[in-house]
């Protein structure tokens, strides 16, 4: 069946895409296998960690487990999107996985500082929301507005936690370049991400619209960056929790990753 049969009516939910999942997986069988194996070890590590880490909710270990739980869903989402050739959508989640990796590295190397930043980020986010409500008059004058203004006045200055700041706390700062590229390529409505829908044509206009499943190289690059982010998450958390078997399993995945073929630069 044509991969894009019915695409003009249902897009990535069309029968052509659904029936083409096997084809897209076969094109990158080794990458999908490595991603699936990484997910299996993620899930085993998460289950083990939930049964063993019983601390206060904001201890570094408990926060690390919650980052892992978030990462499990993110990784699974990327696999599901990529098997349908949804490049921009999968890469947007890959960017999120890199952010999770920054958090785990920071929790491993500078746990107290990261927890402090995490709490301050929450306070700063609430403060920005309060200020927006006041600035845009989303609450009319009265007791509610007065109470909200008082909360703004009483709140101490806190900083928003940027991914770059988090990356600087651990050994993954170089991956911030990939975070930037995935932001430009997929996560943001940028000139580059919008160019994905441009097809150069030998016509008077010189171009036409393009939309559809990604090709083999695009999907391989997505999975490459996904696993590149997933491995330090697993290695960092298993090191924190002294899970030697889990750490060895992620080390074996890392060796497999090193032997994978090169992919195009995003």
C-alpha atoms as a PDB file:
ATOM      1  CA  UNK A   1       0.000   0.000   0.000  1.00  0.00           C
ATOM      2  CA  UNK A   2       1.115   3.547  -0.757  1.00  0.00           C
ATOM      3  CA  UNK A   3       2.498   5.050   2.458  1.00  0.00           C
ATOM      4  CA  UNK A   4       0.529   8.246   1.877  1.00  0.00           C
ATOM      5  CA  UNK A   5      -2.760   6.711   0.756  1.00  0.00           C
ATOM      6  CA  UNK A   6      -5.533   8.700   2.415  1.00  0.00           C
ATOM      7  CA  UNK A   7      -3.048  11.166   3.894  1.00  0.00           C
ATOM      8  CA  UNK A   8      -4.937  14.168   2.490  1.00  0.00           C
ATOM      9  CA  UNK A   9      -7.953  13.167   4.623  1.00  0.00           C
ATOM     10  CA  UNK A  10      -6.494  11.770   7.849  1.00  0.00           C
ATOM     11  CA  UNK A  11      -2.838  12.736   7.810  1.00  0.00           C
ATOM     12  CA  UNK A  12      -0.666  10.559  10.016  1.00  0.00           C
ATOM     13  CA  UNK A  13      -3.791   8.689  11.154  1.00  0.00           C
ATOM     14  CA  UNK A  14      -4.494   7.492   7.620  1.00  0.00           C
ATOM     15  CA  UNK A  15      -4.571   3.820   6.630  1.00  0.00           C
ATOM     16  CA  UNK A  16      -1.491   4.263   4.444  1.00  0.00           C
ATOM     17  CA  UNK A  17       0.631   5.450   7.376  1.00  0.00           C
ATOM     18  CA  UNK A  18      -0.825   2.863   9.765  1.00  0.00           C
ATOM     19  CA  UNK A  19      -0.173   0.021   7.346  1.00  0.00           C
ATOM     20  CA  UNK A  20       3.248   1.465   6.571  1.00  0.00           C
ATOM     21  CA  UNK A  21       4.532   1.226  10.158  1.00  0.00           C
ATOM     22  CA  UNK A  22       6.158  -2.151   9.459  1.00  0.00           C
ATOM     23  CA  UNK A  23       7.886  -0.678   6.409  1.00  0.00           C
ATOM     24  CA  UNK A  24       9.251   2.326   8.299  1.00  0.00           C
ATOM     25  CA  UNK A  25      10.445   0.104  11.132  1.00  0.00           C
ATOM     26  CA  UNK A  26      12.161  -2.268   8.705  1.00  0.00           C
ATOM     27  CA  UNK A  27      14.008   0.631   7.072  1.00  0.00           C
ATOM     28  CA  UNK A  28      15.660   1.343  10.445  1.00  0.00           C
ATOM     29  CA  UNK A  29      15.357  -2.058  12.097  1.00  0.00           C
ATOM     30  CA  UNK A  30      18.594  -1.771  14.087  1.00  0.00           C
ATOM     31  CA  UNK A  31      17.730   1.698  15.428  1.00  0.00           C
ATOM     32  CA  UNK A  32      14.225   0.651  16.443  1.00  0.00           C
ATOM     33  CA  UNK A  33      15.607  -2.489  18.121  1.00  0.00           C
ATOM     34  CA  UNK A  34      18.065  -0.426  20.136  1.00  0.00           C
ATOM     35  CA  UNK A  35      15.310   2.023  21.089  1.00  0.00           C
ATOM     36  CA  UNK A  36      12.984  -0.820  22.136  1.00  0.00           C
ATOM     37  CA  UNK A  37      15.729  -2.466  24.202  1.00  0.00           C
ATOM     38  CA  UNK A  38      16.500   0.877  25.852  1.00  0.00           C
ATOM     39  CA  UNK A  39      12.828   1.251  26.710  1.00  0.00           C
ATOM     40  CA  UNK A  40      12.702  -2.240  28.248  1.00  0.00           C
ATOM     41  CA  UNK A  41      15.641  -1.433  30.533  1.00  0.00           C
ATOM     42  CA  UNK A  42      14.127   1.978  31.321  1.00  0.00           C
ATOM     43  CA  UNK A  43      10.936   0.262  32.443  1.00  0.00           C
ATOM     44  CA  UNK A  44      12.767  -2.361  34.512  1.00  0.00           C
ATOM     45  CA  UNK A  45      14.876   0.327  36.169  1.00  0.00           C
ATOM     46  CA  UNK A  46      11.821   2.470  36.890  1.00  0.00           C
ATOM     47  CA  UNK A  47       9.898  -0.429  38.434  1.00  0.00           C
ATOM     48  CA  UNK A  48      12.861  -1.421  40.584  1.00  0.00           C
ATOM     49  CA  UNK A  49      13.429   2.188  41.660  1.00  0.00           C
ATOM     50  CA  UNK A  50       9.797   2.795  42.627  1.00  0.00           C
ATOM     51  CA  UNK A  51       9.942  -0.273  44.853  1.00  0.00           C
ATOM     52  CA  UNK A  52      13.226   0.690  46.499  1.00  0.00           C
ATOM     53  CA  UNK A  53      13.304   4.491  46.855  1.00  0.00           C
ATOM     54  CA  UNK A  54      11.170   5.494  49.833  1.00  0.00           C
ATOM     55  CA  UNK A  55      12.381   8.924  50.897  1.00  0.00           C
ATOM     56  CA  UNK A  56      10.990  12.424  51.133  1.00  0.00           C
ATOM     57  CA  UNK A  57       9.426  13.534  47.847  1.00  0.00           C
ATOM     58  CA  UNK A  58      12.104  16.155  47.169  1.00  0.00           C
ATOM     59  CA  UNK A  59      15.143  14.025  47.930  1.00  0.00           C
ATOM     60  CA  UNK A  60      17.521  13.814  44.937  1.00  0.00           C
ATOM     61  CA  UNK A  61      16.839  10.080  44.597  1.00  0.00           C
ATOM     62  CA  UNK A  62      13.058  10.487  44.542  1.00  0.00           C
ATOM     63  CA  UNK A  63      13.267  13.363  42.066  1.00  0.00           C
ATOM     64  CA  UNK A  64      15.558  11.257  39.873  1.00  0.00           C
ATOM     65  CA  UNK A  65      13.021   8.421  39.834  1.00  0.00           C
ATOM     66  CA  UNK A  66      10.291  10.848  38.760  1.00  0.00           C
ATOM     67  CA  UNK A  67      12.519  12.158  35.970  1.00  0.00           C
ATOM     68  CA  UNK A  68      12.959   8.544  34.862  1.00  0.00           C
ATOM     69  CA  UNK A  69       9.190   7.973  34.857  1.00  0.00           C
ATOM     70  CA  UNK A  70       8.776  11.080  32.708  1.00  0.00           C
ATOM     71  CA  UNK A  71      11.557   9.815  30.444  1.00  0.00           C
ATOM     72  CA  UNK A  72       9.917   6.413  29.972  1.00  0.00           C
ATOM     73  CA  UNK A  73       6.797   8.024  28.538  1.00  0.00           C
ATOM     74  CA  UNK A  74       8.840  10.424  26.444  1.00  0.00           C
ATOM     75  CA  UNK A  75      10.929   7.633  24.933  1.00  0.00           C
ATOM     76  CA  UNK A  76       7.843   5.563  24.171  1.00  0.00           C
ATOM     77  CA  UNK A  77       6.206   8.583  22.571  1.00  0.00           C
ATOM     78  CA  UNK A  78       9.205   9.103  20.287  1.00  0.00           C
ATOM     79  CA  UNK A  79       9.114   5.472  19.159  1.00  0.00           C
ATOM     80  CA  UNK A  80       5.383   5.664  18.416  1.00  0.00           C
ATOM     81  CA  UNK A  81       5.761   8.912  16.499  1.00  0.00           C
ATOM     82  CA  UNK A  82       8.843   7.837  14.564  1.00  0.00           C
ATOM     83  CA  UNK A  83       7.298   4.563  13.443  1.00  0.00           C
ATOM     84  CA  UNK A  84       4.708   6.729  11.683  1.00  0.00           C
ATOM     85  CA  UNK A  85       7.366   8.980  10.204  1.00  0.00           C
ATOM     86  CA  UNK A  86       6.354  11.976  12.334  1.00  0.00           C
ATOM     87  CA  UNK A  87       9.736  13.674  12.317  1.00  0.00           C
ATOM     88  CA  UNK A  88       9.027  17.085  13.829  1.00  0.00           C
ATOM     89  CA  UNK A  89       6.806  15.617  16.520  1.00  0.00           C
ATOM     90  CA  UNK A  90       9.296  12.902  17.465  1.00  0.00           C
ATOM     91  CA  UNK A  91      12.176  15.356  17.547  1.00  0.00           C
ATOM     92  CA  UNK A  92      10.220  17.719  19.765  1.00  0.00           C
ATOM     93  CA  UNK A  93      10.008  14.915  22.316  1.00  0.00           C
ATOM     94  CA  UNK A  94      13.682  14.045  21.753  1.00  0.00           C
ATOM     95  CA  UNK A  95      14.478  17.602  22.799  1.00  0.00           C
ATOM     96  CA  UNK A  96      12.472  17.012  25.978  1.00  0.00           C
ATOM     97  CA  UNK A  97      14.471  13.839  26.629  1.00  0.00           C
ATOM     98  CA  UNK A  98      17.726  15.809  26.375  1.00  0.00           C
ATOM     99  CA  UNK A  99      16.358  18.202  28.996  1.00  0.00           C
ATOM    100  CA  UNK A 100      15.637  15.212  31.242  1.00  0.00           C
ATOM    101  CA  UNK A 101      19.230  14.064  30.737  1.00  0.00           C
ATOM    102  CA  UNK A 102      20.503  17.458  31.904  1.00  0.00           C
ATOM    103  CA  UNK A 103      18.380  17.090  35.044  1.00  0.00           C
ATOM    104  CA  UNK A 104      19.700  13.612  35.865  1.00  0.00           C
ATOM    105  CA  UNK A 105      23.305  14.704  35.327  1.00  0.00           C
ATOM    106  CA  UNK A 106      22.747  17.679  37.641  1.00  0.00           C
ATOM    107  CA  UNK A 107      21.085  15.467  40.260  1.00  0.00           C
ATOM    108  CA  UNK A 108      24.070  13.131  40.117  1.00  0.00           C
ATOM    109  CA  UNK A 109      26.804  15.793  40.289  1.00  0.00           C
ATOM    110  CA  UNK A 110      25.208  18.675  42.242  1.00  0.00           C
ATOM    111  CA  UNK A 111      22.006  17.400  43.831  1.00  0.00           C
ATOM    112  CA  UNK A 112      21.510  20.121  46.464  1.00  0.00           C
ATOM    113  CA  UNK A 113      21.979  22.927  43.951  1.00  0.00           C
ATOM    114  CA  UNK A 114      19.640  21.327  41.427  1.00  0.00           C
ATOM    115  CA  UNK A 115      16.881  20.783  44.012  1.00  0.00           C
ATOM    116  CA  UNK A 116      17.226  24.426  45.050  1.00  0.00           C
ATOM    117  CA  UNK A 117      16.946  25.521  41.407  1.00  0.00           C
ATOM    118  CA  UNK A 118      13.926  23.256  40.908  1.00  0.00           C
ATOM    119  CA  UNK A 119      12.073  24.837  43.822  1.00  0.00           C
ATOM    120  CA  UNK A 120      12.999  28.373  42.773  1.00  0.00           C
ATOM    121  CA  UNK A 121      11.859  27.662  39.230  1.00  0.00           C
ATOM    122  CA  UNK A 122       8.424  26.686  40.515  1.00  0.00           C
ATOM    123  CA  UNK A 123       8.193  29.894  42.537  1.00  0.00           C
ATOM    124  CA  UNK A 124       9.367  32.008  39.603  1.00  0.00           C
ATOM    125  CA  UNK A 125       6.857  30.398  37.261  1.00  0.00           C
ATOM    126  CA  UNK A 126       3.974  31.159  39.626  1.00  0.00           C
ATOM    127  CA  UNK A 127       5.213  34.717  40.001  1.00  0.00           C
ATOM    128  CA  UNK A 128       5.251  35.227  36.232  1.00  0.00           C
ATOM    129  CA  UNK A 129       1.701  33.898  36.017  1.00  0.00           C
ATOM    130  CA  UNK A 130       0.545  36.259  38.755  1.00  0.00           C
ATOM    131  CA  UNK A 131       2.149  39.219  37.022  1.00  0.00           C
ATOM    132  CA  UNK A 132       0.566  38.298  33.693  1.00  0.00           C
ATOM    133  CA  UNK A 133      -2.875  38.102  35.280  1.00  0.00           C
ATOM    134  CA  UNK A 134      -2.431  41.573  36.771  1.00  0.00           C
ATOM    135  CA  UNK A 135      -0.866  43.093  33.639  1.00  0.00           C
ATOM    136  CA  UNK A 136      -3.619  41.822  31.350  1.00  0.00           C
ATOM    137  CA  UNK A 137      -6.420  42.557  33.848  1.00  0.00           C
ATOM    138  CA  UNK A 138      -7.606  38.945  33.815  1.00  0.00           C
ATOM    139  CA  UNK A 139      -9.045  39.545  37.288  1.00  0.00           C
ATOM    140  CA  UNK A 140     -11.243  42.567  37.857  1.00  0.00           C
ATOM    141  CA  UNK A 141     -10.583  44.942  40.731  1.00  0.00           C
ATOM    142  CA  UNK A 142     -11.597  43.585  44.106  1.00  0.00           C
ATOM    143  CA  UNK A 143     -10.433  41.301  46.887  1.00  0.00           C
ATOM    144  CA  UNK A 144      -9.044  38.614  44.542  1.00  0.00           C
ATOM    145  CA  UNK A 145      -6.910  41.110  42.648  1.00  0.00           C
ATOM    146  CA  UNK A 146      -5.713  42.731  45.879  1.00  0.00           C
ATOM    147  CA  UNK A 147      -4.752  39.318  47.261  1.00  0.00           C
ATOM    148  CA  UNK A 148      -2.898  38.451  44.050  1.00  0.00           C
ATOM    149  CA  UNK A 149      -0.980  41.739  44.101  1.00  0.00           C
ATOM    150  CA  UNK A 150      -0.017  41.109  47.716  1.00  0.00           C
ATOM    151  CA  UNK A 151       1.371  37.695  46.729  1.00  0.00           C
ATOM    152  CA  UNK A 152       3.448  39.369  44.004  1.00  0.00           C
ATOM    153  CA  UNK A 153       4.802  41.970  46.421  1.00  0.00           C
ATOM    154  CA  UNK A 154       5.660  39.372  49.064  1.00  0.00           C
ATOM    155  CA  UNK A 155       7.318  36.898  46.727  1.00  0.00           C
ATOM    156  CA  UNK A 156      11.104  36.845  46.806  1.00  0.00           C
ATOM    157  CA  UNK A 157      12.920  37.008  43.508  1.00  0.00           C
ATOM    158  CA  UNK A 158      13.487  33.553  42.051  1.00  0.00           C
ATOM    159  CA  UNK A 159      15.083  32.542  38.776  1.00  0.00           C
ATOM    160  CA  UNK A 160      13.554  30.482  36.005  1.00  0.00           C
ATOM    161  CA  UNK A 161      15.608  27.319  35.525  1.00  0.00           C
ATOM    162  CA  UNK A 162      16.909  27.340  31.953  1.00  0.00           C
ATOM    163  CA  UNK A 163      18.065  24.107  30.278  1.00  0.00           C
ATOM    164  CA  UNK A 164      21.483  25.659  29.675  1.00  0.00           C
ATOM    165  CA  UNK A 165      21.895  26.412  33.385  1.00  0.00           C
ATOM    166  CA  UNK A 166      21.003  22.834  34.222  1.00  0.00           C
ATOM    167  CA  UNK A 167      23.374  21.462  31.577  1.00  0.00           C
ATOM    168  CA  UNK A 168      26.251  23.392  33.145  1.00  0.00           C
ATOM    169  CA  UNK A 169      25.774  21.487  36.413  1.00  0.00           C
ATOM    170  CA  UNK A 170      26.806  18.166  34.861  1.00  0.00           C
ATOM    171  CA  UNK A 171      28.994  16.661  32.126  1.00  0.00           C
ATOM    172  CA  UNK A 172      26.428  16.942  29.303  1.00  0.00           C
ATOM    173  CA  UNK A 173      26.903  20.581  28.325  1.00  0.00           C
ATOM    174  CA  UNK A 174      27.990  19.598  24.802  1.00  0.00           C
ATOM    175  CA  UNK A 175      24.546  18.052  24.259  1.00  0.00           C
ATOM    176  CA  UNK A 176      23.069  21.533  24.658  1.00  0.00           C
ATOM    177  CA  UNK A 177      24.024  22.053  21.003  1.00  0.00           C
ATOM    178  CA  UNK A 178      21.693  19.170  20.069  1.00  0.00           C
ATOM    179  CA  UNK A 179      19.000  20.721  22.262  1.00  0.00           C
ATOM    180  CA  UNK A 180      19.380  23.964  20.301  1.00  0.00           C
ATOM    181  CA  UNK A 181      19.276  22.182  16.951  1.00  0.00           C
ATOM    182  CA  UNK A 182      16.165  20.207  17.854  1.00  0.00           C
ATOM    183  CA  UNK A 183      14.536  23.420  19.057  1.00  0.00           C
ATOM    184  CA  UNK A 184      15.200  25.086  15.706  1.00  0.00           C
ATOM    185  CA  UNK A 185      14.469  21.995  13.610  1.00  0.00           C
ATOM    186  CA  UNK A 186      11.259  20.858  15.279  1.00  0.00           C
ATOM    187  CA  UNK A 187      10.104  22.265  18.604  1.00  0.00           C
ATOM    188  CA  UNK A 188       9.722  25.922  17.615  1.00  0.00           C
ATOM    189  CA  UNK A 189       7.880  27.528  14.708  1.00  0.00           C
ATOM    190  CA  UNK A 190      11.157  28.665  13.182  1.00  0.00           C
ATOM    191  CA  UNK A 191      12.253  29.319   9.607  1.00  0.00           C
ATOM    192  CA  UNK A 192      14.011  25.947   9.593  1.00  0.00           C
ATOM    193  CA  UNK A 193      11.107  23.946  10.991  1.00  0.00           C
ATOM    194  CA  UNK A 194       8.687  25.579   8.562  1.00  0.00           C
ATOM    195  CA  UNK A 195      11.042  24.830   5.666  1.00  0.00           C
ATOM    196  CA  UNK A 196      10.268  21.148   6.282  1.00  0.00           C
ATOM    197  CA  UNK A 197       7.015  21.845   4.416  1.00  0.00           C
ATOM    198  CA  UNK A 198       8.738  23.299   1.349  1.00  0.00           C
ATOM    199  CA  UNK A 199       9.467  21.273  -1.772  1.00  0.00           C
ATOM    200  CA  UNK A 200      11.704  22.935  -4.348  1.00  0.00           C
ATOM    201  CA  UNK A 201      10.109  22.726  -7.789  1.00  0.00           C
ATOM    202  CA  UNK A 202      11.063  23.681 -11.343  1.00  0.00           C
ATOM    203  CA  UNK A 203       8.036  25.903 -11.647  1.00  0.00           C
ATOM    204  CA  UNK A 204       7.538  29.664 -11.923  1.00  0.00           C
ATOM    205  CA  UNK A 205       7.057  29.896  -8.159  1.00  0.00           C
ATOM    206  CA  UNK A 206      10.061  27.646  -7.528  1.00  0.00           C
ATOM    207  CA  UNK A 207       8.425  25.702  -4.711  1.00  0.00           C
ATOM    208  CA  UNK A 208       5.365  23.855  -3.461  1.00  0.00           C
ATOM    209  CA  UNK A 209       4.008  22.626  -0.141  1.00  0.00           C
ATOM    210  CA  UNK A 210       5.312  19.343   1.295  1.00  0.00           C
ATOM    211  CA  UNK A 211       3.850  17.166   4.014  1.00  0.00           C
ATOM    212  CA  UNK A 212       4.232  13.503   4.827  1.00  0.00           C
ATOM    213  CA  UNK A 213       6.243  10.816   6.562  1.00  0.00           C
ATOM    214  CA  UNK A 214       9.968  11.260   7.087  1.00  0.00           C
ATOM    215  CA  UNK A 215      12.444   9.197   5.122  1.00  0.00           C
ATOM    216  CA  UNK A 216      14.892   6.590   6.397  1.00  0.00           C
ATOM    217  CA  UNK A 217      17.668   9.066   7.201  1.00  0.00           C
ATOM    218  CA  UNK A 218      15.376  11.502   9.010  1.00  0.00           C
ATOM    219  CA  UNK A 219      13.920   8.756  11.188  1.00  0.00           C
ATOM    220  CA  UNK A 220      17.355   7.302  11.918  1.00  0.00           C
ATOM    221  CA  UNK A 221      18.634  10.709  13.033  1.00  0.00           C
ATOM    222  CA  UNK A 222      15.644  11.110  15.356  1.00  0.00           C
ATOM    223  CA  UNK A 223      16.295   7.756  17.019  1.00  0.00           C
ATOM    224  CA  UNK A 224      20.030   8.460  17.231  1.00  0.00           C
ATOM    225  CA  UNK A 225      19.485  11.650  19.233  1.00  0.00           C
ATOM    226  CA  UNK A 226      16.824   9.943  21.320  1.00  0.00           C
ATOM    227  CA  UNK A 227      19.135   7.182  22.470  1.00  0.00           C
ATOM    228  CA  UNK A 228      22.018   9.619  22.895  1.00  0.00           C
ATOM    229  CA  UNK A 229      19.861  11.399  25.487  1.00  0.00           C
ATOM    230  CA  UNK A 230      18.349   8.262  27.023  1.00  0.00           C
ATOM    231  CA  UNK A 231      21.631   6.530  27.863  1.00  0.00           C
ATOM    232  CA  UNK A 232      22.980   9.163  30.310  1.00  0.00           C
ATOM    233  CA  UNK A 233      19.565   9.216  32.003  1.00  0.00           C
ATOM    234  CA  UNK A 234      19.795   5.488  32.661  1.00  0.00           C
ATOM    235  CA  UNK A 235      23.477   5.516  33.557  1.00  0.00           C
ATOM    236  CA  UNK A 236      23.080   8.495  35.897  1.00  0.00           C
ATOM    237  CA  UNK A 237      20.042   7.185  37.755  1.00  0.00           C
ATOM    238  CA  UNK A 238      21.398   3.660  38.207  1.00  0.00           C
ATOM    239  CA  UNK A 239      24.635   5.165  39.534  1.00  0.00           C
ATOM    240  CA  UNK A 240      22.694   7.338  41.997  1.00  0.00           C
ATOM    241  CA  UNK A 241      20.618   4.394  43.205  1.00  0.00           C
ATOM    242  CA  UNK A 242      23.595   2.014  43.266  1.00  0.00           C
ATOM    243  CA  UNK A 243      21.790  -0.291  40.863  1.00  0.00           C
ATOM    244  CA  UNK A 244      24.866  -2.118  39.557  1.00  0.00           C
ATOM    245  CA  UNK A 245      22.944  -4.545  37.340  1.00  0.00           C
ATOM    246  CA  UNK A 246      20.978  -1.712  35.747  1.00  0.00           C
ATOM    247  CA  UNK A 247      24.121   0.341  35.280  1.00  0.00           C
ATOM    248  CA  UNK A 248      25.816  -2.571  33.517  1.00  0.00           C
ATOM    249  CA  UNK A 249      22.777  -2.994  31.259  1.00  0.00           C
ATOM    250  CA  UNK A 250      22.942   0.649  30.198  1.00  0.00           C
ATOM    251  CA  UNK A 251      26.707   0.359  29.667  1.00  0.00           C
ATOM    252  CA  UNK A 252      26.029  -2.533  27.265  1.00  0.00           C
ATOM    253  CA  UNK A 253      23.473  -0.397  25.413  1.00  0.00           C
ATOM    254  CA  UNK A 254      26.068   2.366  25.190  1.00  0.00           C
ATOM    255  CA  UNK A 255      28.523  -0.051  23.567  1.00  0.00           C
ATOM    256  CA  UNK A 256      25.867  -1.029  21.012  1.00  0.00           C
ATOM    257  CA  UNK A 257      25.146   2.631  20.361  1.00  0.00           C
ATOM    258  CA  UNK A 258      28.810   3.263  19.597  1.00  0.00           C
ATOM    259  CA  UNK A 259      28.754   0.604  16.885  1.00  0.00           C
ATOM    260  CA  UNK A 260      25.656   1.977  15.129  1.00  0.00           C
ATOM    261  CA  UNK A 261      26.065   3.508  11.663  1.00  0.00           C
ATOM    262  CA  UNK A 262      26.385   7.287  11.323  1.00  0.00           C
ATOM    263  CA  UNK A 263      23.283   9.397  10.708  1.00  0.00           C
ATOM    264  CA  UNK A 264      22.780  12.788   9.032  1.00  0.00           C
ATOM    265  CA  UNK A 265      23.374  15.879  11.145  1.00  0.00           C
ATOM    266  CA  UNK A 266      20.206  17.604  12.293  1.00  0.00           C
END
